[in-house]
Amino acid sequence: MVKAYRDCFTTSVQDKLQWFKQATWDGELGRQARLALKELLENSLVQEIELQIGGLSPYQRDEHRLDQRNGYYIRQLDTERGCIADLRVPRSRNGVYQPEVFRRYQRRSGAVDEAILRIFCGGNSTRHVGEVLELLVGASVSATTVSQVTKALDPYVRAYHRRPLEDRYQYLLLDGIALRSKGAGGRKHVLVLTAYGITRDGYRELIDFCQADSEGEAPWTRFLQSLYQRGLVGDNLRLVTTDGAAGLIAALDMVFPLVPRQRCWVHKLRNVAGKLRKVNQKECLKQAKQIYLAANRLQATSRFRAWQERWGTVEPKAVTCLAEDIDALLTVFDVPAAHRIVVRTTNPIERCFREVRRRTRPMTCFNNAGSIDRIMFAVFMHQTANWSKHPIRHFTQKT
């Protein structure tokens, strides 16, 4: 007894919570809670049917009664307290009575469906949602069921694409991700164009996305014009960071012609690496990276010229590849030094894409455009919610 009393104080909080969870969900407390909930539901259903069909008791004769009781049927209901088995649901002879506690054929309470959505939006695949739910409430659901439940996100997805935008972003990063989807002609690649913004206070946000057949000028123009018409007019933008896609550059010329642009260093150095001989790749790229690590534009220009002189005759194609975009690569030196590491590449948005791929890796391909929208929306909402608690360091209104 003394040992148990002492252990109560030496046991960690996590261990205590684990014990309580075990006792609540798997032990006697869980069983008693489910029995109490079952009794409450059955009593409520009996009162409900009498109110709907009229009368004060099952055997009362009343000319105003709308229907007659017709026994019970047995069903089960998954709730946040676990599975309620052998639930007795009253029924009426002519079908006048319809339970208000749950819909006909409903097998889960609204709280369980909400838990499924929260687990899904929290970063779990449709396959993993069932496993997590079973640990929480003792009720498992299939991936197909999760997909059906997540269709409840569709109105929120539509509202997300149509919501007004505040013109509060100082940096805009644009990129796309290729996903596979089923179509009438078989599997096809779908491009998801994405906009990522950073506010003056350093808060990050995945602003919006849209599906397109390509990363050409027309899809990008439609996407950027949608952002513009909803409020992102770019009055506060200091910089737009992109890869080298010609269609995106042309679209920016149309929608945000006056905003300075930064060419993504990661994409450009990948292009340079593809033109280098294997023996020179490591050293040449290492020296090229010193350009964007310079303290200011003057030093970066000096380092570029030294690099160009060193490799110009050895790797002329690689040097030409970097030199043709050097001005766009050095635009980042026009913004505060504390911001450069974040906006000199599209890596922040690439990391979001890695999360999308993690979620979609078990899937051969998406069934339709709606499933792509739901996955992207879930990932974006999860990421943005996390970022809302932690602004980027060194981002202030003064800078």
Protein backbone atom coordinates (compact mmCIF):
# COMPACT_ATOMS: atom_id res chain seq x y z
CA MET A 1 0.00 0.00 0.00
CA VAL A 2 2.84 2.36 0.93
CA LYS A 3 4.62 1.52 -2.35
CA ALA A 4 1.50 2.22 -4.38
CA TYR A 5 1.05 5.55 -2.57
CA ARG A 6 4.69 6.49 -3.24
CA ASP A 7 4.40 5.42 -6.91
CA CYS A 8 1.51 7.81 -7.33
CA PHE A 9 3.96 10.70 -6.92
CA THR A 10 6.95 9.21 -8.70
CA THR A 11 5.05 8.06 -11.79
CA SER A 12 5.24 10.49 -14.72
CA VAL A 13 2.23 12.46 -15.89
CA GLN A 14 2.26 10.53 -19.17
CA ASP A 15 2.10 7.23 -17.29
CA LYS A 16 -0.83 8.47 -15.22
CA LEU A 17 -2.68 9.60 -18.34
CA GLN A 18 -1.98 6.25 -19.96
CA TRP A 19 -3.34 4.45 -16.90
CA PHE A 20 -6.48 6.58 -16.87
CA LYS A 21 -7.03 6.04 -20.59
CA GLN A 22 -6.61 2.29 -20.12
CA ALA A 23 -9.06 2.25 -17.24
CA THR A 24 -11.56 4.47 -19.04
CA TRP A 25 -11.58 2.84 -22.47
CA ASP A 26 -10.54 -0.75 -21.87
CA GLY A 27 -11.56 -1.45 -18.28
CA GLU A 28 -14.64 -1.42 -16.12
CA LEU A 29 -15.12 2.33 -16.41
CA GLY A 30 -15.39 1.99 -20.20
CA ARG A 31 -17.92 -0.84 -19.98
CA GLN A 32 -20.05 1.04 -17.46
CA ALA A 33 -19.95 4.18 -19.60
CA ARG A 34 -21.13 2.25 -22.67
CA LEU A 35 -23.95 0.57 -20.68
CA ALA A 36 -25.06 3.92 -19.32
CA LEU A 37 -25.00 5.46 -22.79
CA LYS A 38 -26.97 2.54 -24.22
CA GLU A 39 -29.65 2.91 -21.55
CA LEU A 40 -29.83 6.65 -22.13
CA LEU A 41 -30.21 6.20 -25.89
CA GLU A 42 -32.88 3.51 -25.59
CA ASN A 43 -34.94 5.58 -23.10
CA SER A 44 -34.61 8.64 -25.33
CA LEU A 45 -35.75 6.70 -28.39
CA VAL A 46 -38.85 5.41 -26.57
CA GLN A 47 -39.82 8.94 -25.55
CA GLU A 48 -39.07 10.21 -29.02
CA ILE A 49 -41.33 7.74 -30.83
CA GLU A 50 -44.24 8.55 -28.55
CA LEU A 51 -43.85 12.25 -29.18
CA GLN A 52 -43.69 11.72 -32.95
CA ILE A 53 -46.63 9.36 -33.38
CA GLY A 54 -48.76 10.76 -30.52
CA GLY A 55 -49.97 9.17 -27.31
CA LEU A 56 -48.61 8.79 -23.80
CA SER A 57 -47.95 5.04 -23.71
CA PRO A 58 -47.54 2.15 -26.16
CA TYR A 59 -51.11 0.85 -25.53
CA GLN A 60 -53.04 4.09 -25.34
CA ARG A 61 -55.95 4.44 -27.79
CA ASP A 62 -56.14 7.93 -29.16
CA GLU A 63 -57.82 9.21 -32.32
CA HIS A 64 -55.02 11.71 -32.76
CA ARG A 65 -52.30 9.04 -32.81
CA LEU A 66 -50.50 9.14 -36.17
CA ASP A 67 -49.13 5.61 -36.15
CA GLN A 68 -48.76 2.47 -34.04
CA ARG A 69 -45.72 1.02 -32.37
CA ASN A 70 -44.32 -2.04 -34.12
CA GLY A 71 -41.72 -3.53 -31.81
CA TYR A 72 -37.98 -2.99 -32.03
CA TYR A 73 -35.04 -3.75 -34.25
CA ILE A 74 -31.48 -4.34 -33.11
CA ARG A 75 -28.49 -2.41 -34.40
CA GLN A 76 -25.08 -1.18 -33.29
CA LEU A 77 -23.75 2.37 -33.15
CA ASP A 78 -20.13 3.49 -32.97
CA THR A 79 -19.79 6.38 -30.53
CA GLU A 80 -16.98 8.32 -28.88
CA ARG A 81 -17.42 5.93 -25.92
CA GLY A 82 -16.96 2.86 -28.07
CA CYS A 83 -19.28 0.51 -29.90
CA ILE A 84 -22.82 0.29 -28.49
CA ALA A 85 -23.96 -3.21 -29.45
CA ASP A 86 -27.51 -4.61 -29.41
CA LEU A 87 -29.14 -1.20 -29.26
CA ARG A 88 -32.95 -1.58 -29.26
CA VAL A 89 -34.50 0.95 -31.64
CA PRO A 90 -38.33 1.24 -31.66
CA ARG A 91 -40.17 1.36 -34.97
CA SER A 92 -43.65 2.31 -36.10
CA ARG A 93 -46.01 0.27 -38.26
CA ASN A 94 -46.33 2.76 -41.13
CA GLY A 95 -42.88 4.29 -40.94
CA VAL A 96 -43.98 7.65 -39.51
CA TYR A 97 -41.31 7.52 -36.81
CA GLN A 98 -37.77 8.47 -37.75
CA PRO A 99 -35.10 8.66 -35.00
CA GLU A 100 -33.62 12.10 -34.51
CA VAL A 101 -30.66 10.86 -32.51
CA PHE A 102 -29.18 9.28 -35.64
CA ARG A 103 -30.22 8.86 -39.26
CA ARG A 104 -31.61 5.67 -40.74
CA TYR A 105 -28.76 3.27 -41.59
CA GLN A 106 -26.29 5.51 -39.72
CA ARG A 107 -23.64 3.35 -38.07
CA ARG A 108 -21.59 6.05 -36.38
CA SER A 109 -22.43 9.01 -34.18
CA GLY A 110 -21.65 12.51 -35.40
CA ALA A 111 -18.80 12.71 -32.88
CA VAL A 112 -17.12 9.67 -34.47
CA ASP A 113 -17.44 11.16 -37.96
CA GLU A 114 -15.97 14.39 -36.62
CA ALA A 115 -13.10 12.41 -35.09
CA ILE A 116 -12.49 10.75 -38.48
CA LEU A 117 -12.27 14.16 -40.15
CA ARG A 118 -9.96 15.53 -37.47
CA ILE A 119 -7.64 12.53 -37.67
CA PHE A 120 -7.61 12.77 -41.46
CA CYS A 121 -6.93 16.52 -41.42
CA GLY A 122 -4.26 15.92 -38.79
CA GLY A 123 -2.03 14.21 -41.33
CA ASN A 124 -3.11 10.56 -41.43
CA SER A 125 -3.90 8.63 -44.60
CA THR A 126 -7.32 7.05 -45.09
CA ARG A 127 -5.81 3.67 -44.21
CA HIS A 128 -4.29 4.93 -40.95
CA VAL A 129 -7.44 6.73 -39.80
CA GLY A 130 -9.16 3.40 -39.07
CA GLU A 131 -6.20 2.20 -37.02
CA VAL A 132 -6.08 5.39 -34.96
CA LEU A 133 -9.85 5.40 -34.43
CA GLU A 134 -9.77 1.82 -33.17
CA LEU A 135 -7.20 2.80 -30.54
CA LEU A 136 -9.35 5.74 -29.44
CA VAL A 137 -12.89 4.35 -29.38
CA GLY A 138 -12.52 0.66 -30.14
CA ALA A 139 -14.29 0.98 -33.50
CA SER A 140 -12.49 0.39 -36.77
CA VAL A 141 -13.49 1.83 -40.14
CA SER A 142 -12.26 0.96 -43.61
CA ALA A 143 -10.38 3.27 -45.94
CA THR A 144 -13.49 3.36 -48.15
CA THR A 145 -15.61 4.53 -45.22
CA VAL A 146 -13.09 7.24 -44.40
CA SER A 147 -13.20 8.42 -48.01
CA GLN A 148 -16.99 8.64 -47.82
CA VAL A 149 -16.88 10.57 -44.55
CA THR A 150 -14.26 13.00 -45.87
CA LYS A 151 -16.67 14.08 -48.61
CA ALA A 152 -18.14 16.24 -45.86
CA LEU A 153 -15.08 18.45 -46.45
CA ASP A 154 -16.27 19.43 -49.93
CA PRO A 155 -18.27 22.52 -48.84
CA TYR A 156 -15.26 23.72 -46.84
CA VAL A 157 -12.97 23.19 -49.82
CA ARG A 158 -15.26 25.27 -52.03
CA ALA A 159 -15.41 28.01 -49.39
CA TYR A 160 -11.61 27.93 -49.09
CA HIS A 161 -11.19 28.52 -52.83
CA ARG A 162 -13.68 31.41 -52.79
CA ARG A 163 -12.80 33.18 -49.55
CA PRO A 164 -11.69 36.84 -49.71
CA LEU A 165 -7.95 37.37 -49.30
CA GLU A 166 -6.22 40.11 -47.36
CA ASP A 167 -3.41 41.93 -49.14
CA ARG A 168 -1.03 41.33 -46.23
CA TYR A 169 1.71 39.22 -47.75
CA GLN A 170 5.22 40.57 -48.25
CA TYR A 171 6.59 37.44 -49.90
CA LEU A 172 4.90 35.07 -52.34
CA LEU A 173 6.28 31.66 -53.34
CA LEU A 174 4.78 29.86 -56.33
CA ASP A 175 5.28 26.25 -57.43
CA GLY A 176 3.41 23.18 -58.64
CA ILE A 177 3.23 19.48 -57.84
CA ALA A 178 2.36 16.64 -60.23
CA LEU A 179 -0.12 13.99 -59.02
CA ARG A 180 -1.72 11.03 -60.76
CA SER A 181 -5.46 10.77 -61.18
CA LYS A 182 -7.89 8.41 -62.90
CA GLY A 183 -9.78 9.66 -65.92
CA ALA A 184 -11.97 8.35 -68.72
CA GLY A 185 -8.88 7.69 -70.84
CA GLY A 186 -6.93 6.07 -68.02
CA ARG A 187 -4.42 7.50 -65.59
CA LYS A 188 -3.15 11.00 -66.19
CA HIS A 189 -0.93 13.55 -64.51
CA VAL A 190 -2.60 16.52 -62.85
CA LEU A 191 -0.62 19.64 -61.90
CA VAL A 192 -1.59 21.36 -58.66
CA LEU A 193 -0.52 25.01 -58.76
CA THR A 194 0.16 26.40 -55.30
CA ALA A 195 0.66 29.81 -53.68
CA TYR A 196 2.50 30.19 -50.37
CA GLY A 197 2.65 33.53 -48.58
CA ILE A 198 4.57 35.12 -45.72
CA THR A 199 3.01 38.09 -43.94
CA ARG A 200 4.82 41.15 -42.60
CA ASP A 201 4.74 39.57 -39.14
CA GLY A 202 6.38 36.37 -40.38
CA TYR A 203 3.30 34.16 -40.40
CA ARG A 204 3.28 31.54 -43.14
CA GLU A 205 0.18 30.50 -45.02
CA LEU A 206 -0.64 28.20 -47.90
CA ILE A 207 -2.90 30.70 -49.60
CA ASP A 208 -4.59 28.55 -52.23
CA PHE A 209 -4.15 25.89 -54.88
CA CYS A 210 -5.83 24.84 -58.10
CA GLN A 211 -5.68 21.87 -60.44
CA ALA A 212 -4.44 22.31 -64.00
CA ASP A 213 -3.46 20.22 -67.00
CA SER A 214 -0.06 21.90 -67.25
CA GLU A 215 2.17 24.63 -65.83
CA GLY A 216 1.64 26.75 -68.92
CA GLU A 217 0.94 30.46 -69.05
CA ALA A 218 -2.87 30.16 -69.25
CA PRO A 219 -3.37 27.99 -66.10
CA TRP A 220 -0.97 30.13 -64.07
CA THR A 221 -2.62 33.33 -65.28
CA ARG A 222 -6.08 32.08 -64.29
CA PHE A 223 -4.80 31.07 -60.86
CA LEU A 224 -3.00 34.35 -60.16
CA GLN A 225 -5.91 36.42 -61.45
CA SER A 226 -8.20 34.54 -59.06
CA LEU A 227 -5.92 35.53 -56.15
CA TYR A 228 -5.83 39.12 -57.40
CA GLN A 229 -9.60 39.40 -57.78
CA ARG A 230 -10.14 38.01 -54.29
CA GLY A 231 -7.94 40.68 -52.69
CA LEU A 232 -4.26 39.78 -53.16
CA VAL A 233 -3.36 42.76 -55.34
CA GLY A 234 0.30 42.78 -54.33
CA ASP A 235 0.62 46.29 -52.88
CA ASN A 236 2.72 44.92 -50.00
CA LEU A 237 4.70 42.32 -51.94
CA ARG A 238 8.47 42.70 -51.80
CA LEU A 239 9.36 39.59 -53.75
CA VAL A 240 7.92 36.64 -55.65
CA THR A 241 10.02 33.46 -55.69
CA THR A 242 9.54 30.95 -58.50
CA ASP A 243 11.25 28.19 -60.42
CA GLY A 244 12.21 28.83 -64.03
CA ALA A 245 8.92 27.76 -65.67
CA ALA A 246 8.34 30.02 -68.65
CA GLY A 247 4.55 29.86 -68.28
CA LEU A 248 4.71 31.11 -64.69
CA ILE A 249 7.08 33.95 -65.61
CA ALA A 250 4.73 35.06 -68.39
CA ALA A 251 1.73 34.91 -66.03
CA LEU A 252 3.55 37.10 -63.50
CA ASP A 253 4.24 39.62 -66.26
CA MET A 254 0.48 39.81 -66.72
CA VAL A 255 -0.77 39.88 -63.11
CA PHE A 256 2.10 41.21 -60.94
CA PRO A 257 4.38 43.00 -63.43
CA LEU A 258 5.89 45.43 -60.92
CA VAL A 259 6.81 42.96 -58.16
CA PRO A 260 10.52 41.95 -58.08
CA ARG A 261 11.18 38.27 -58.76
CA GLN A 262 13.62 35.82 -57.27
CA ARG A 263 14.71 32.75 -59.19
CA CYS A 264 14.86 29.68 -56.95
CA TRP A 265 18.49 28.75 -56.26
CA VAL A 266 17.70 25.08 -55.69
CA HIS A 267 16.02 24.65 -59.06
CA LYS A 268 18.79 26.54 -60.82
CA LEU A 269 21.60 24.55 -59.20
CA ARG A 270 19.84 21.33 -60.18
CA ASN A 271 19.93 22.56 -63.76
CA VAL A 272 23.61 23.42 -63.39
CA ALA A 273 24.37 19.98 -61.89
CA GLY A 274 22.79 18.33 -64.92
CA LYS A 275 25.33 20.03 -67.17
CA LEU A 276 28.40 19.17 -65.08
CA ARG A 277 30.68 16.20 -65.44
CA LYS A 278 30.52 13.87 -62.47
CA VAL A 279 34.10 14.55 -61.46
CA ASN A 280 33.46 18.29 -61.12
CA GLN A 281 29.98 18.34 -59.60
CA LYS A 282 30.85 18.45 -55.91
CA GLU A 283 33.48 21.18 -56.07
CA CYS A 284 31.76 23.33 -58.67
CA LEU A 285 28.39 23.33 -56.86
CA LYS A 286 30.05 23.97 -53.50
CA GLN A 287 31.65 27.13 -54.89
CA ALA A 288 28.42 28.19 -56.60
CA LYS A 289 26.55 28.01 -53.28
CA GLN A 290 28.94 30.58 -51.84
CA ILE A 291 27.36 33.14 -54.16
CA TYR A 292 24.00 33.24 -52.38
CA LEU A 293 25.69 33.03 -48.96
CA ALA A 294 27.39 36.38 -49.55
CA ALA A 295 26.73 39.26 -47.17
CA ASN A 296 25.48 41.62 -49.89
CA ARG A 297 24.92 41.96 -53.62
CA LEU A 298 28.38 43.40 -54.28
CA GLN A 299 30.09 40.46 -52.61
CA ALA A 300 27.75 37.99 -54.37
CA THR A 301 28.57 39.54 -57.75
CA SER A 302 32.28 39.30 -56.99
CA ARG A 303 31.94 35.64 -56.02
CA PHE A 304 29.95 34.88 -59.16
CA ARG A 305 32.62 36.42 -61.39
CA ALA A 306 35.35 34.45 -59.61
CA TRP A 307 33.32 31.27 -60.03
CA GLN A 308 32.67 32.09 -63.68
CA GLU A 309 36.38 32.63 -64.32
CA ARG A 310 37.31 29.41 -62.51
CA TRP A 311 34.86 27.14 -64.37
CA GLY A 312 34.19 29.00 -67.62
CA THR A 313 36.59 26.96 -69.74
CA VAL A 314 36.21 23.68 -67.80
CA GLU A 315 32.40 23.54 -67.67
CA PRO A 316 31.13 26.16 -70.15
CA LYS A 317 27.55 24.82 -70.38
CA ALA A 318 27.07 24.88 -66.62
CA VAL A 319 28.50 28.38 -66.33
CA THR A 320 26.26 29.65 -69.14
CA CYS A 321 23.23 28.05 -67.44
CA LEU A 322 23.84 30.00 -64.23
CA ALA A 323 24.98 33.23 -65.91
CA GLU A 324 21.82 33.64 -68.00
CA ASP A 325 19.71 34.03 -64.82
CA ILE A 326 22.22 35.61 -62.46
CA ASP A 327 20.33 38.90 -62.12
CA ALA A 328 17.12 37.11 -61.09
CA LEU A 329 19.13 34.93 -58.71
CA LEU A 330 20.58 37.97 -56.94
CA THR A 331 17.27 39.84 -56.46
CA VAL A 332 17.10 38.37 -52.97
CA PHE A 333 19.83 40.78 -51.85
CA ASP A 334 17.30 43.62 -52.08
CA VAL A 335 15.43 42.27 -49.01
CA PRO A 336 16.63 42.21 -45.37
CA ALA A 337 19.41 39.69 -44.67
CA ALA A 338 17.30 37.91 -42.05
CA HIS A 339 14.68 37.09 -44.70
CA ARG A 340 16.96 35.81 -47.44
CA ILE A 341 17.36 32.24 -46.24
CA VAL A 342 13.57 31.78 -46.39
CA VAL A 343 12.82 33.38 -49.76
CA ARG A 344 15.83 32.59 -51.92
CA THR A 345 14.31 29.20 -52.81
CA THR A 346 10.90 27.59 -53.06
CA ASN A 347 11.98 25.03 -50.44
CA PRO A 348 9.24 26.02 -47.96
CA ILE A 349 6.57 25.06 -50.46
CA GLU A 350 8.53 21.97 -51.53
CA ARG A 351 8.40 20.77 -47.91
CA CYS A 352 4.62 21.02 -48.02
CA PHE A 353 4.64 18.95 -51.19
CA ARG A 354 6.67 16.29 -49.40
CA GLU A 355 3.87 16.03 -46.85
CA VAL A 356 1.35 15.64 -49.68
CA ARG A 357 3.45 12.85 -51.19
CA ARG A 358 3.75 11.15 -47.82
CA ARG A 359 -0.03 11.13 -47.55
CA THR A 360 -0.51 9.88 -51.11
CA ARG A 361 2.36 7.40 -51.33
CA PRO A 362 0.21 4.35 -50.43
CA MET A 363 -2.23 5.30 -53.20
CA THR A 364 -1.61 4.22 -56.78
CA CYS A 365 -3.46 7.31 -57.95
CA PHE A 366 -6.40 9.50 -57.01
CA ASN A 367 -9.88 8.43 -58.03
CA ASN A 368 -10.99 11.88 -59.17
CA ALA A 369 -10.39 15.62 -58.88
CA GLY A 370 -12.49 15.81 -55.70
CA SER A 371 -10.21 13.43 -53.82
CA ILE A 372 -7.16 15.52 -54.82
CA ASP A 373 -8.84 18.67 -53.51
CA ARG A 374 -9.72 17.03 -50.19
CA ILE A 375 -6.18 15.73 -49.59
CA MET A 376 -4.57 19.06 -50.52
CA PHE A 377 -7.05 20.97 -48.36
CA ALA A 378 -6.45 18.69 -45.37
CA VAL A 379 -2.67 19.02 -45.65
CA PHE A 380 -2.83 22.78 -46.16
CA MET A 381 -5.14 23.36 -43.20
CA HIS A 382 -2.96 21.19 -40.96
CA GLN A 383 0.22 23.00 -42.00
CA THR A 384 -1.28 26.49 -41.71
CA ALA A 385 -2.74 25.72 -38.27
CA ASN A 386 0.72 24.68 -37.04
CA TRP A 387 2.38 27.76 -38.55
CA SER A 388 -0.17 30.09 -36.97
CA LYS A 389 1.41 29.34 -33.58
CA HIS A 390 5.01 29.94 -34.63
CA PRO A 391 5.91 32.95 -36.82
CA ILE A 392 9.30 32.91 -38.54
CA ARG A 393 12.00 34.43 -36.40
CA HIS A 394 13.41 37.87 -37.33
CA PHE A 395 10.27 38.78 -39.32
CA THR A 396 8.84 42.00 -37.91
CA GLN A 397 7.07 45.04 -39.27
CA LYS A 398 10.27 47.03 -38.82
CA THR A 399 12.16 44.82 -41.23
